[in-house]
Amino acid sequence: MQLRINGQMVNADVEPEMPLLWVLRDVLNLTGTKYGCGVGACGACTVLIDGVAARACSIPASAIGDGGITTIEAPTDEGALLAKIQQAWIAHQVPQCGYCQP
């Protein structure tokens, strides 16, 4: 199946019912999207599909169709904004919860 992920078309040899989360993590090695609860409640697996937040653990890969998937790995020109966010986290001693780890 072909998927548009972070602006690029990729081929994934997967079963249509495989959850998008596992396609991203196990097949395409995009580990930024995390497994949390497995039922779409916690938000750890959130990706954007055509700009709308969706839970990748509860969406079969075949349901994406022609939709564009954006993950945390997507390239961005907002490096300065990211640096500001990171500095704010440091200033406020925001702990890492583990979702940011592969």
PDB file of N, CA and C in Angstrom:
ATOM      1  N   MET A   1       0.849  -1.165   0.000  1.00  0.00           N
ATOM      2  CA  MET A   1       0.000   0.000   0.000  1.00  0.00           C
ATOM      3  C   MET A   1       0.894   1.227   0.000  1.00  0.00           C
ATOM      4  N   GLN A   2       0.431   2.289  -0.627  1.00  0.00           N
ATOM      5  CA  GLN A   2       1.154   3.554  -0.639  1.00  0.00           C
ATOM      6  C   GLN A   2       0.522   4.515   0.350  1.00  0.00           C
ATOM      7  N   LEU A   3       1.377   5.200   1.085  1.00  0.00           N
ATOM      8  CA  LEU A   3       0.933   6.200   2.048  1.00  0.00           C
ATOM      9  C   LEU A   3       1.764   7.464   1.855  1.00  0.00           C
ATOM     10  N   ARG A   4       1.138   8.612   2.067  1.00  0.00           N
ATOM     11  CA  ARG A   4       1.864   9.884   2.026  1.00  0.00           C
ATOM     12  C   ARG A   4       2.151  10.273   3.471  1.00  0.00           C
ATOM     13  N   ILE A   5       3.428  10.173   3.857  1.00  0.00           N
ATOM     14  CA  ILE A   5       3.834  10.439   5.233  1.00  0.00           C
ATOM     15  C   ILE A   5       4.853  11.559   5.244  1.00  0.00           C
ATOM     16  N   ASN A   6       4.543  12.609   5.977  1.00  0.00           N
ATOM     17  CA  ASN A   6       5.426  13.769   6.090  1.00  0.00           C
ATOM     18  C   ASN A   6       5.823  14.311   4.725  1.00  0.00           C
ATOM     19  N   GLY A   7       4.851  14.295   3.802  1.00  0.00           N
ATOM     20  CA  GLY A   7       5.053  14.873   2.479  1.00  0.00           C
ATOM     21  C   GLY A   7       5.695  13.957   1.461  1.00  0.00           C
ATOM     22  N   GLN A   8       6.011  12.727   1.829  1.00  0.00           N
ATOM     23  CA  GLN A   8       6.647  11.800   0.899  1.00  0.00           C
ATOM     24  C   GLN A   8       5.806  10.538   0.745  1.00  0.00           C
ATOM     25  N   MET A   9       5.740  10.059  -0.487  1.00  0.00           N
ATOM     26  CA  MET A   9       5.047   8.798  -0.732  1.00  0.00           C
ATOM     27  C   MET A   9       5.962   7.651  -0.327  1.00  0.00           C
ATOM     28  N   VAL A  10       5.411   6.711   0.432  1.00  0.00           N
ATOM     29  CA  VAL A  10       6.170   5.531   0.853  1.00  0.00           C
ATOM     30  C   VAL A  10       5.341   4.282   0.566  1.00  0.00           C
ATOM     31  N   ASN A  11       6.031   3.195   0.303  1.00  0.00           N
ATOM     32  CA  ASN A  11       5.381   1.899   0.112  1.00  0.00           C
ATOM     33  C   ASN A  11       5.517   1.101   1.392  1.00  0.00           C
ATOM     34  N   ALA A  12       4.436   0.477   1.798  1.00  0.00           N
ATOM     35  CA  ALA A  12       4.450  -0.363   2.994  1.00  0.00           C
ATOM     36  C   ALA A  12       3.747  -1.672   2.662  1.00  0.00           C
ATOM     37  N   ASP A  13       4.457  -2.766   2.791  1.00  0.00           N
ATOM     38  CA  ASP A  13       3.898  -4.089   2.534  1.00  0.00           C
ATOM     39  C   ASP A  13       3.268  -4.593   3.830  1.00  0.00           C
ATOM     40  N   VAL A  14       2.008  -4.217   4.033  1.00  0.00           N
ATOM     41  CA  VAL A  14       1.311  -4.539   5.281  1.00  0.00           C
ATOM     42  C   VAL A  14      -0.101  -5.030   4.982  1.00  0.00           C
ATOM     43  N   GLU A  15      -0.677  -5.703   5.958  1.00  0.00           N
ATOM     44  CA  GLU A  15      -2.082  -6.091   5.865  1.00  0.00           C
ATOM     45  C   GLU A  15      -2.936  -4.828   6.013  1.00  0.00           C
ATOM     46  N   PRO A  16      -4.033  -4.711   5.272  1.00  0.00           N
ATOM     47  CA  PRO A  16      -4.859  -3.504   5.322  1.00  0.00           C
ATOM     48  C   PRO A  16      -5.395  -3.166   6.709  1.00  0.00           C
ATOM     49  N   GLU A  17      -5.640  -4.186   7.542  1.00  0.00           N
ATOM     50  CA  GLU A  17      -6.210  -3.927   8.870  1.00  0.00           C
ATOM     51  C   GLU A  17      -5.155  -3.581   9.923  1.00  0.00           C
ATOM     52  N   MET A  18      -3.871  -3.608   9.560  1.00  0.00           N
ATOM     53  CA  MET A  18      -2.817  -3.272  10.529  1.00  0.00           C
ATOM     54  C   MET A  18      -2.995  -1.826  10.984  1.00  0.00           C
ATOM     55  N   PRO A  19      -3.001  -1.590  12.299  1.00  0.00           N
ATOM     56  CA  PRO A  19      -3.142  -0.217  12.788  1.00  0.00           C
ATOM     57  C   PRO A  19      -2.005   0.676  12.278  1.00  0.00           C
ATOM     58  N   LEU A  20      -2.351   1.893  11.947  1.00  0.00           N
ATOM     59  CA  LEU A  20      -1.378   2.852  11.436  1.00  0.00           C
ATOM     60  C   LEU A  20      -0.183   2.989  12.372  1.00  0.00           C
ATOM     61  N   LEU A  21      -0.415   2.938  13.676  1.00  0.00           N
ATOM     62  CA  LEU A  21       0.676   3.049  14.644  1.00  0.00           C
ATOM     63  C   LEU A  21       1.775   2.039  14.358  1.00  0.00           C
ATOM     64  N   TRP A  22       1.400   0.782  14.116  1.00  0.00           N
ATOM     65  CA  TRP A  22       2.396  -0.271  13.907  1.00  0.00           C
ATOM     66  C   TRP A  22       3.036  -0.166  12.538  1.00  0.00           C
ATOM     67  N   VAL A  23       2.302   0.342  11.566  1.00  0.00           N
ATOM     68  CA  VAL A  23       2.913   0.605  10.258  1.00  0.00           C
ATOM     69  C   VAL A  23       4.022   1.640  10.431  1.00  0.00           C
ATOM     70  N   LEU A  24       3.705   2.724  11.129  1.00  0.00           N
ATOM     71  CA  LEU A  24       4.698   3.782  11.338  1.00  0.00           C
ATOM     72  C   LEU A  24       5.903   3.268  12.116  1.00  0.00           C
ATOM     73  N   ARG A  25       5.664   2.643  13.242  1.00  0.00           N
ATOM     74  CA  ARG A  25       6.753   2.245  14.149  1.00  0.00           C
ATOM     75  C   ARG A  25       7.518   1.006  13.670  1.00  0.00           C
ATOM     76  N   ASP A  26       6.799  -0.063  13.367  1.00  0.00           N
ATOM     77  CA  ASP A  26       7.451  -1.348  13.103  1.00  0.00           C
ATOM     78  C   ASP A  26       7.869  -1.547  11.650  1.00  0.00           C
ATOM     79  N   VAL A  27       7.118  -0.973  10.733  1.00  0.00           N
ATOM     80  CA  VAL A  27       7.425  -1.174   9.318  1.00  0.00           C
ATOM     81  C   VAL A  27       8.290  -0.040   8.774  1.00  0.00           C
ATOM     82  N   LEU A  28       7.933   1.201   9.109  1.00  0.00           N
ATOM     83  CA  LEU A  28       8.641   2.356   8.551  1.00  0.00           C
ATOM     84  C   LEU A  28       9.690   2.938   9.494  1.00  0.00           C
ATOM     85  N   ASN A  29       9.793   2.390  10.691  1.00  0.00           N
ATOM     86  CA  ASN A  29      10.785   2.818  11.690  1.00  0.00           C
ATOM     87  C   ASN A  29      10.668   4.303  12.054  1.00  0.00           C
ATOM     88  N   LEU A  30       9.441   4.810  12.073  1.00  0.00           N
ATOM     89  CA  LEU A  30       9.171   6.176  12.539  1.00  0.00           C
ATOM     90  C   LEU A  30       8.687   6.051  13.985  1.00  0.00           C
ATOM     91  N   THR A  31       9.608   6.071  14.922  1.00  0.00           N
ATOM     92  CA  THR A  31       9.293   5.745  16.313  1.00  0.00           C
ATOM     93  C   THR A  31       8.851   6.939  17.147  1.00  0.00           C
ATOM     94  N   GLY A  32       8.690   8.100  16.539  1.00  0.00           N
ATOM     95  CA  GLY A  32       8.233   9.264  17.293  1.00  0.00           C
ATOM     96  C   GLY A  32       6.793   9.125  17.762  1.00  0.00           C
ATOM     97  N   THR A  33       5.983   8.415  17.012  1.00  0.00           N
ATOM     98  CA  THR A  33       4.601   8.153  17.399  1.00  0.00           C
ATOM     99  C   THR A  33       4.623   6.999  18.391  1.00  0.00           C
ATOM    100  N   LYS A  34       4.066   7.203  19.562  1.00  0.00           N
ATOM    101  CA  LYS A  34       4.221   6.254  20.665  1.00  0.00           C
ATOM    102  C   LYS A  34       2.982   5.392  20.893  1.00  0.00           C
ATOM    103  N   TYR A  35       3.210   4.216  21.459  1.00  0.00           N
ATOM    104  CA  TYR A  35       2.138   3.366  21.948  1.00  0.00           C
ATOM    105  C   TYR A  35       1.878   3.756  23.397  1.00  0.00           C
ATOM    106  N   GLY A  36       0.624   3.951  23.730  1.00  0.00           N
ATOM    107  CA  GLY A  36       0.266   4.260  25.111  1.00  0.00           C
ATOM    108  C   GLY A  36      -0.744   3.258  25.627  1.00  0.00           C
ATOM    109  N   CYS A  37      -2.001   3.483  25.296  1.00  0.00           N
ATOM    110  CA  CYS A  37      -3.074   2.645  25.832  1.00  0.00           C
ATOM    111  C   CYS A  37      -3.569   1.598  24.842  1.00  0.00           C
ATOM    112  N   GLY A  38      -3.403   1.845  23.554  1.00  0.00           N
ATOM    113  CA  GLY A  38      -3.863   0.909  22.541  1.00  0.00           C
ATOM    114  C   GLY A  38      -5.330   1.012  22.188  1.00  0.00           C
ATOM    115  N   VAL A  39      -6.055   1.944  22.817  1.00  0.00           N
ATOM    116  CA  VAL A  39      -7.487   2.091  22.531  1.00  0.00           C
ATOM    117  C   VAL A  39      -7.859   3.516  22.124  1.00  0.00           C
ATOM    118  N   GLY A  40      -6.876   4.349  21.842  1.00  0.00           N
ATOM    119  CA  GLY A  40      -7.144   5.703  21.370  1.00  0.00           C
ATOM    120  C   GLY A  40      -7.550   6.693  22.435  1.00  0.00           C
ATOM    121  N   ALA A  41      -7.299   6.380  23.699  1.00  0.00           N
ATOM    122  CA  ALA A  41      -7.735   7.269  24.775  1.00  0.00           C
ATOM    123  C   ALA A  41      -6.646   8.212  25.283  1.00  0.00           C
ATOM    124  N   CYS A  42      -5.390   7.776  25.261  1.00  0.00           N
ATOM    125  CA  CYS A  42      -4.339   8.556  25.933  1.00  0.00           C
ATOM    126  C   CYS A  42      -3.726   9.644  25.063  1.00  0.00           C
ATOM    127  N   GLY A  43      -3.714   9.463  23.757  1.00  0.00           N
ATOM    128  CA  GLY A  43      -3.160  10.473  22.866  1.00  0.00           C
ATOM    129  C   GLY A  43      -1.695  10.308  22.524  1.00  0.00           C
ATOM    130  N   ALA A  44      -1.027   9.306  23.078  1.00  0.00           N
ATOM    131  CA  ALA A  44       0.402   9.114  22.799  1.00  0.00           C
ATOM    132  C   ALA A  44       0.660   8.819  21.328  1.00  0.00           C
ATOM    133  N   CYS A  45      -0.313   8.271  20.643  1.00  0.00           N
ATOM    134  CA  CYS A  45      -0.150   7.867  19.247  1.00  0.00           C
ATOM    135  C   CYS A  45      -0.714   8.893  18.260  1.00  0.00           C
ATOM    136  N   THR A  46      -0.951  10.102  18.711  1.00  0.00           N
ATOM    137  CA  THR A  46      -1.584  11.107  17.861  1.00  0.00           C
ATOM    138  C   THR A  46      -0.705  11.484  16.675  1.00  0.00           C
ATOM    139  N   VAL A  47      -1.311  11.477  15.503  1.00  0.00           N
ATOM    140  CA  VAL A  47      -0.715  11.972  14.270  1.00  0.00           C
ATOM    141  C   VAL A  47      -1.743  12.913  13.646  1.00  0.00           C
ATOM    142  N   LEU A  48      -1.342  13.607  12.604  1.00  0.00           N
ATOM    143  CA  LEU A  48      -2.289  14.416  11.849  1.00  0.00           C
ATOM    144  C   LEU A  48      -2.597  13.703  10.542  1.00  0.00           C
ATOM    145  N   ILE A  49      -3.870  13.616  10.218  1.00  0.00           N
ATOM    146  CA  ILE A  49      -4.294  13.092   8.927  1.00  0.00           C
ATOM    147  C   ILE A  49      -5.027  14.225   8.236  1.00  0.00           C
ATOM    148  N   ASP A  50      -4.408  14.713   7.176  1.00  0.00           N
ATOM    149  CA  ASP A  50      -4.905  15.906   6.486  1.00  0.00           C
ATOM    150  C   ASP A  50      -5.129  17.053   7.461  1.00  0.00           C
ATOM    151  N   GLY A  51      -4.210  17.207   8.407  1.00  0.00           N
ATOM    152  CA  GLY A  51      -4.248  18.318   9.350  1.00  0.00           C
ATOM    153  C   GLY A  51      -5.143  18.128  10.554  1.00  0.00           C
ATOM    154  N   VAL A  52      -5.804  16.990  10.661  1.00  0.00           N
ATOM    155  CA  VAL A  52      -6.716  16.723  11.769  1.00  0.00           C
ATOM    156  C   VAL A  52      -6.094  15.657  12.681  1.00  0.00           C
ATOM    157  N   ALA A  53      -6.077  15.921  13.978  1.00  0.00           N
ATOM    158  CA  ALA A  53      -5.506  14.972  14.936  1.00  0.00           C
ATOM    159  C   ALA A  53      -6.283  13.660  14.908  1.00  0.00           C
ATOM    160  N   ALA A  54      -5.531  12.559  14.882  1.00  0.00           N
ATOM    161  CA  ALA A  54      -6.135  11.227  14.866  1.00  0.00           C
ATOM    162  C   ALA A  54      -5.267  10.282  15.689  1.00  0.00           C
ATOM    163  N   ARG A  55      -5.882   9.269  16.266  1.00  0.00           N
ATOM    164  CA  ARG A  55      -5.176   8.281  17.082  1.00  0.00           C
ATOM    165  C   ARG A  55      -4.738   7.119  16.197  1.00  0.00           C
ATOM    166  N   ALA A  56      -3.443   6.998  15.974  1.00  0.00           N
ATOM    167  CA  ALA A  56      -2.904   6.002  15.046  1.00  0.00           C
ATOM    168  C   ALA A  56      -3.102   4.568  15.515  1.00  0.00           C
ATOM    169  N   CYS A  57      -3.297   4.353  16.816  1.00  0.00           N
ATOM    170  CA  CYS A  57      -3.453   2.979  17.313  1.00  0.00           C
ATOM    171  C   CYS A  57      -4.808   2.388  16.947  1.00  0.00           C
ATOM    172  N   SER A  58      -5.775   3.230  16.635  1.00  0.00           N
ATOM    173  CA  SER A  58      -7.125   2.724  16.391  1.00  0.00           C
ATOM    174  C   SER A  58      -7.595   2.920  14.950  1.00  0.00           C
ATOM    175  N   ILE A  59      -6.676   3.284  14.057  1.00  0.00           N
ATOM    176  CA  ILE A  59      -7.027   3.496  12.654  1.00  0.00           C
ATOM    177  C   ILE A  59      -6.295   2.463  11.803  1.00  0.00           C
ATOM    178  N   PRO A  60      -7.028   1.626  11.061  1.00  0.00           N
ATOM    179  CA  PRO A  60      -6.339   0.705  10.162  1.00  0.00           C
ATOM    180  C   PRO A  60      -5.646   1.482   9.041  1.00  0.00           C
ATOM    181  N   ALA A  61      -4.510   0.997   8.616  1.00  0.00           N
ATOM    182  CA  ALA A  61      -3.748   1.683   7.569  1.00  0.00           C
ATOM    183  C   ALA A  61      -4.585   1.899   6.316  1.00  0.00           C
ATOM    184  N   SER A  62      -5.449   0.946   5.993  1.00  0.00           N
ATOM    185  CA  SER A  62      -6.266   1.053   4.782  1.00  0.00           C
ATOM    186  C   SER A  62      -7.286   2.185   4.855  1.00  0.00           C
ATOM    187  N   ALA A  63      -7.605   2.661   6.056  1.00  0.00           N
ATOM    188  CA  ALA A  63      -8.599   3.728   6.208  1.00  0.00           C
ATOM    189  C   ALA A  63      -8.042   5.096   5.834  1.00  0.00           C
ATOM    190  N   ILE A  64      -6.742   5.204   5.664  1.00  0.00           N
ATOM    191  CA  ILE A  64      -6.127   6.494   5.362  1.00  0.00           C
ATOM    192  C   ILE A  64      -6.435   6.932   3.947  1.00  0.00           C
ATOM    193  N   GLY A  65      -6.507   6.002   3.012  1.00  0.00           N
ATOM    194  CA  GLY A  65      -6.773   6.348   1.620  1.00  0.00           C
ATOM    195  C   GLY A  65      -5.707   7.283   1.083  1.00  0.00           C
ATOM    196  N   ASP A  66      -6.140   8.392   0.486  1.00  0.00           N
ATOM    197  CA  ASP A  66      -5.214   9.370  -0.082  1.00  0.00           C
ATOM    198  C   ASP A  66      -4.801  10.430   0.926  1.00  0.00           C
ATOM    199  N   GLY A  67      -5.206  10.282   2.166  1.00  0.00           N
ATOM    200  CA  GLY A  67      -4.905  11.289   3.183  1.00  0.00           C
ATOM    201  C   GLY A  67      -3.421  11.410   3.464  1.00  0.00           C
ATOM    202  N   GLY A  68      -3.011  12.607   3.798  1.00  0.00           N
ATOM    203  CA  GLY A  68      -1.626  12.855   4.163  1.00  0.00           C
ATOM    204  C   GLY A  68      -1.429  12.696   5.654  1.00  0.00           C
ATOM    205  N   ILE A  69      -0.438  11.919   6.036  1.00  0.00           N
ATOM    206  CA  ILE A  69      -0.136  11.658   7.442  1.00  0.00           C
ATOM    207  C   ILE A  69       1.056  12.515   7.847  1.00  0.00           C
ATOM    208  N   THR A  70       0.923  13.220   8.957  1.00  0.00           N
ATOM    209  CA  THR A  70       2.034  13.999   9.497  1.00  0.00           C
ATOM    210  C   THR A  70       2.363  13.457  10.874  1.00  0.00           C
ATOM    211  N   THR A  71       3.637  13.097  11.074  1.00  0.00           N
ATOM    212  CA  THR A  71       4.099  12.595  12.365  1.00  0.00           C
ATOM    213  C   THR A  71       5.035  13.618  12.994  1.00  0.00           C
ATOM    214  N   ILE A  72       5.453  13.345  14.203  1.00  0.00           N
ATOM    215  CA  ILE A  72       6.372  14.226  14.915  1.00  0.00           C
ATOM    216  C   ILE A  72       7.711  14.350  14.183  1.00  0.00           C
ATOM    217  N   GLU A  73       8.031  13.390  13.321  1.00  0.00           N
ATOM    218  CA  GLU A  73       9.282  13.438  12.569  1.00  0.00           C
ATOM    219  C   GLU A  73       9.234  14.386  11.377  1.00  0.00           C
ATOM    220  N   ALA A  74       8.075  14.967  11.092  1.00  0.00           N
ATOM    221  CA  ALA A  74       7.950  15.827   9.917  1.00  0.00           C
ATOM    222  C   ALA A  74       8.951  16.980   9.976  1.00  0.00           C
ATOM    223  N   PRO A  75       9.623  17.234   8.846  1.00  0.00           N
ATOM    224  CA  PRO A  75      10.543  18.377   8.830  1.00  0.00           C
ATOM    225  C   PRO A  75       9.771  19.676   9.004  1.00  0.00           C
ATOM    226  N   THR A  76      10.406  20.643   9.619  1.00  0.00           N
ATOM    227  CA  THR A  76       9.749  21.922   9.855  1.00  0.00           C
ATOM    228  C   THR A  76      10.733  23.060   9.678  1.00  0.00           C
ATOM    229  N   ASP A  77      10.223  24.196   9.287  1.00  0.00           N
ATOM    230  CA  ASP A  77      11.035  25.406   9.188  1.00  0.00           C
ATOM    231  C   ASP A  77      10.905  26.231  10.456  1.00  0.00           C
ATOM    232  N   GLU A  78      10.297  25.665  11.474  1.00  0.00           N
ATOM    233  CA  GLU A  78      10.030  26.403  12.703  1.00  0.00           C
ATOM    234  C   GLU A  78      11.030  26.052  13.794  1.00  0.00           C
ATOM    235  N   GLY A  79      12.295  25.867  13.420  1.00  0.00           N
ATOM    236  CA  GLY A  79      13.329  25.512  14.382  1.00  0.00           C
ATOM    237  C   GLY A  79      13.438  26.500  15.520  1.00  0.00           C
ATOM    238  N   ALA A  80      13.287  27.788  15.204  1.00  0.00           N
ATOM    239  CA  ALA A  80      13.376  28.810  16.250  1.00  0.00           C
ATOM    240  C   ALA A  80      12.236  28.651  17.250  1.00  0.00           C
ATOM    241  N   LEU A  81      11.036  28.345  16.760  1.00  0.00           N
ATOM    242  CA  LEU A  81       9.900  28.129  17.655  1.00  0.00           C
ATOM    243  C   LEU A  81      10.147  26.909  18.531  1.00  0.00           C
ATOM    244  N   LEU A  82      10.654  25.837  17.937  1.00  0.00           N
ATOM    245  CA  LEU A  82      10.946  24.641  18.715  1.00  0.00           C
ATOM    246  C   LEU A  82      11.958  24.954  19.810  1.00  0.00           C
ATOM    247  N   ALA A  83      12.985  25.713  19.482  1.00  0.00           N
ATOM    248  CA  ALA A  83      13.991  26.076  20.485  1.00  0.00           C
ATOM    249  C   ALA A  83      13.358  26.862  21.630  1.00  0.00           C
ATOM    250  N   LYS A  84      12.428  27.746  21.324  1.00  0.00           N
ATOM    251  CA  LYS A  84      11.742  28.520  22.369  1.00  0.00           C
ATOM    252  C   LYS A  84      10.922  27.597  23.270  1.00  0.00           C
ATOM    253  N   ILE A  85      10.250  26.642  22.670  1.00  0.00           N
ATOM    254  CA  ILE A  85       9.453  25.698  23.453  1.00  0.00           C
ATOM    255  C   ILE A  85      10.368  24.876  24.352  1.00  0.00           C
ATOM    256  N   GLN A  86      11.478  24.412  23.800  1.00  0.00           N
ATOM    257  CA  GLN A  86      12.420  23.632  24.599  1.00  0.00           C
ATOM    258  C   GLN A  86      12.972  24.457  25.758  1.00  0.00           C
ATOM    259  N   GLN A  87      13.293  25.721  25.512  1.00  0.00           N
ATOM    260  CA  GLN A  87      13.808  26.584  26.575  1.00  0.00           C
ATOM    261  C   GLN A  87      12.754  26.794  27.665  1.00  0.00           C
ATOM    262  N   ALA A  88      11.499  26.931  27.264  1.00  0.00           N
ATOM    263  CA  ALA A  88      10.423  27.094  28.248  1.00  0.00           C
ATOM    264  C   ALA A  88      10.296  25.833  29.105  1.00  0.00           C
ATOM    265  N   TRP A  89      10.418  24.670  28.500  1.00  0.00           N
ATOM    266  CA  TRP A  89      10.365  23.419  29.262  1.00  0.00           C
ATOM    267  C   TRP A  89      11.488  23.370  30.281  1.00  0.00           C
ATOM    268  N   ILE A  90      12.684  23.767  29.854  1.00  0.00           N
ATOM    269  CA  ILE A  90      13.829  23.767  30.763  1.00  0.00           C
ATOM    270  C   ILE A  90      13.600  24.753  31.900  1.00  0.00           C
ATOM    271  N   ALA A  91      13.130  25.957  31.563  1.00  0.00           N
ATOM    272  CA  ALA A  91      12.913  27.002  32.570  1.00  0.00           C
ATOM    273  C   ALA A  91      11.889  26.574  33.617  1.00  0.00           C
ATOM    274  N   HIS A  92      10.890  25.818  33.193  1.00  0.00           N
ATOM    275  CA  HIS A  92       9.824  25.393  34.107  1.00  0.00           C
ATOM    276  C   HIS A  92      10.030  23.971  34.622  1.00  0.00           C
ATOM    277  N   GLN A  93      11.180  23.401  34.330  1.00  0.00           N
ATOM    278  CA  GLN A  93      11.548  22.058  34.787  1.00  0.00           C
ATOM    279  C   GLN A  93      10.478  21.011  34.452  1.00  0.00           C
ATOM    280  N   VAL A  94      10.043  21.032  33.209  1.00  0.00           N
ATOM    281  CA  VAL A  94       9.041  20.074  32.753  1.00  0.00           C
ATOM    282  C   VAL A  94       9.703  18.700  32.625  1.00  0.00           C
ATOM    283  N   PRO A  95       9.178  17.696  33.320  1.00  0.00           N
ATOM    284  CA  PRO A  95       9.790  16.362  33.229  1.00  0.00           C
ATOM    285  C   PRO A  95       9.390  15.665  31.933  1.00  0.00           C
ATOM    286  N   GLN A  96      10.239  14.787  31.484  1.00  0.00           N
ATOM    287  CA  GLN A  96       9.905  13.945  30.336  1.00  0.00           C
ATOM    288  C   GLN A  96       9.112  12.752  30.849  1.00  0.00           C
ATOM    289  N   CYS A  97       8.043  12.434  30.168  1.00  0.00           N
ATOM    290  CA  CYS A  97       7.148  11.383  30.643  1.00  0.00           C
ATOM    291  C   CYS A  97       7.477  10.008  30.081  1.00  0.00           C
ATOM    292  N   GLY A  98       8.324   9.941  29.085  1.00  0.00           N
ATOM    293  CA  GLY A  98       8.643   8.662  28.475  1.00  0.00           C
ATOM    294  C   GLY A  98       8.065   8.502  27.086  1.00  0.00           C
ATOM    295  N   TYR A  99       7.049   9.266  26.724  1.00  0.00           N
ATOM    296  CA  TYR A  99       6.499   9.179  25.380  1.00  0.00           C
ATOM    297  C   TYR A  99       7.502   9.669  24.351  1.00  0.00           C
ATOM    298  N   CYS A 100       8.457  10.470  24.761  1.00  0.00           N
ATOM    299  CA  CYS A 100       9.439  11.028  23.831  1.00  0.00           C
ATOM    300  C   CYS A 100      10.592  10.071  23.567  1.00  0.00           C
ATOM    301  N   GLN A 101      10.600   8.932  24.190  1.00  0.00           N
ATOM    302  CA  GLN A 101      11.674   7.965  23.999  1.00  0.00           C
ATOM    303  C   GLN A 101      11.224   6.903  23.007  1.00  0.00           C
ATOM    304  N   PRO A 102      12.167   6.387  22.188  1.00  0.00           N
ATOM    305  CA  PRO A 102      11.777   5.353  21.213  1.00  0.00           C
ATOM    306  C   PRO A 102      11.293   4.078  21.875  1.00  0.00           C
TER     307      PRO A 102
END
